[in-house]
Amino acid sequence: MINLYKNLPTIDLHGFDRDYARIMINEFIEDNYKISNHKVIIIHGIGSGIIRKETQKTLKQNKYVENYKIDNFNAGQTIVSIKNKLT
């Protein structure tokens, strides 16, 4: 299988609680916005779905996020499109 996302910036939230995951997601998105990365991967795992739900809630509220979706090939990660930086 070809890994289409191997060169994208990634954050792995395994072992994080909801609050820490939310903080780390927002910092990760903002950092990538600042350096003009337009796609990133957030690994939240499958488990009970708590971190996945918190990830989606956080992304929905983040002003830098254009859109996001669960990866079709890996339900344990979300692909995020970040808005273009306004110059």
Protein backbone atom coordinates (compact mmCIF):
# COMPACT_ATOMS: atom_id res chain seq x y z
CA MET A 1 0.00 0.00 0.00
CA ILE A 2 1.24 3.48 -0.87
CA ASN A 3 1.25 5.99 1.98
CA LEU A 4 -0.14 9.16 0.42
CA TYR A 5 0.40 11.21 3.56
CA LYS A 6 3.91 10.25 4.64
CA ASN A 7 5.38 13.72 4.03
CA LEU A 8 2.64 15.67 5.78
CA PRO A 9 3.14 17.15 9.25
CA THR A 10 1.58 14.85 11.83
CA ILE A 11 0.63 14.97 15.49
CA ASP A 12 -0.12 11.79 17.45
CA LEU A 13 -2.61 12.23 20.30
CA HIS A 14 -2.38 8.71 21.74
CA GLY A 15 -2.30 8.93 25.53
CA PHE A 16 -3.60 12.52 25.70
CA ASP A 17 -6.71 13.52 27.64
CA ARG A 18 -9.36 15.75 26.05
CA ASP A 19 -8.06 19.03 27.44
CA TYR A 20 -4.43 18.41 26.50
CA ALA A 21 -5.47 17.11 23.05
CA ARG A 22 -7.46 20.30 22.41
CA ILE A 23 -4.50 22.50 23.38
CA MET A 24 -2.06 20.51 21.26
CA ILE A 25 -4.39 20.47 18.22
CA ASN A 26 -4.85 24.24 18.32
CA GLU A 27 -1.10 24.86 18.68
CA PHE A 28 -0.32 22.36 15.89
CA ILE A 29 -2.84 23.97 13.51
CA GLU A 30 -1.67 27.50 14.29
CA ASP A 31 2.01 26.57 13.85
CA ASN A 32 1.29 24.95 10.49
CA TYR A 33 -0.81 27.93 9.39
CA LYS A 34 2.11 30.25 10.17
CA ILE A 35 4.52 28.23 8.03
CA SER A 36 1.95 27.82 5.22
CA ASN A 37 1.43 24.06 5.45
CA HIS A 38 -1.95 23.44 3.87
CA LYS A 39 -2.53 19.80 4.87
CA VAL A 40 -1.75 18.04 8.14
CA ILE A 41 -2.61 14.74 9.80
CA ILE A 42 -3.97 14.32 13.31
CA ILE A 43 -3.68 10.78 14.66
CA HIS A 44 -6.33 10.26 17.33
CA GLY A 45 -6.75 6.50 17.21
CA ILE A 46 -10.01 4.61 17.20
CA GLY A 47 -10.55 3.41 20.79
CA SER A 48 -13.71 4.67 22.46
CA GLY A 49 -13.86 7.73 20.19
CA ILE A 50 -13.38 10.34 22.91
CA ILE A 51 -10.26 11.92 21.38
CA ARG A 52 -11.70 11.65 17.85
CA LYS A 53 -14.80 13.55 18.94
CA GLU A 54 -12.71 16.17 20.75
CA THR A 55 -10.52 16.49 17.64
CA GLN A 56 -13.54 17.14 15.43
CA LYS A 57 -15.04 19.61 17.90
CA THR A 58 -11.74 21.49 18.15
CA LEU A 59 -11.22 21.57 14.38
CA LYS A 60 -14.77 22.84 13.83
CA GLN A 61 -14.06 25.81 16.12
CA ASN A 62 -10.55 26.60 14.84
CA LYS A 63 -10.43 29.70 12.62
CA TYR A 64 -7.47 28.37 10.59
CA VAL A 65 -9.18 25.14 9.51
CA GLU A 66 -10.70 25.10 6.03
CA ASN A 67 -12.06 21.54 6.30
CA TYR A 68 -11.29 18.11 7.71
CA LYS A 69 -12.29 14.50 7.22
CA ILE A 70 -11.57 11.08 8.63
CA ASP A 71 -9.03 9.32 6.42
CA ASN A 72 -10.79 6.81 4.14
CA PHE A 73 -7.94 4.34 4.60
CA ASN A 74 -7.35 4.82 8.34
CA ALA A 75 -10.27 5.67 10.64
CA GLY A 76 -7.77 6.50 13.39
CA GLN A 77 -6.62 9.71 11.75
CA THR A 78 -8.08 12.93 10.42
CA ILE A 79 -6.82 14.86 7.41
CA VAL A 80 -7.00 18.61 7.91
CA SER A 81 -6.88 21.35 5.25
CA ILE A 82 -5.61 24.63 6.62
CA LYS A 83 -6.65 27.97 5.17
CA ASN A 84 -4.19 29.92 3.04
CA LYS A 85 -2.41 32.67 4.87
CA LEU A 86 -3.67 36.12 3.98
CA THR A 87 -0.88 38.44 2.95
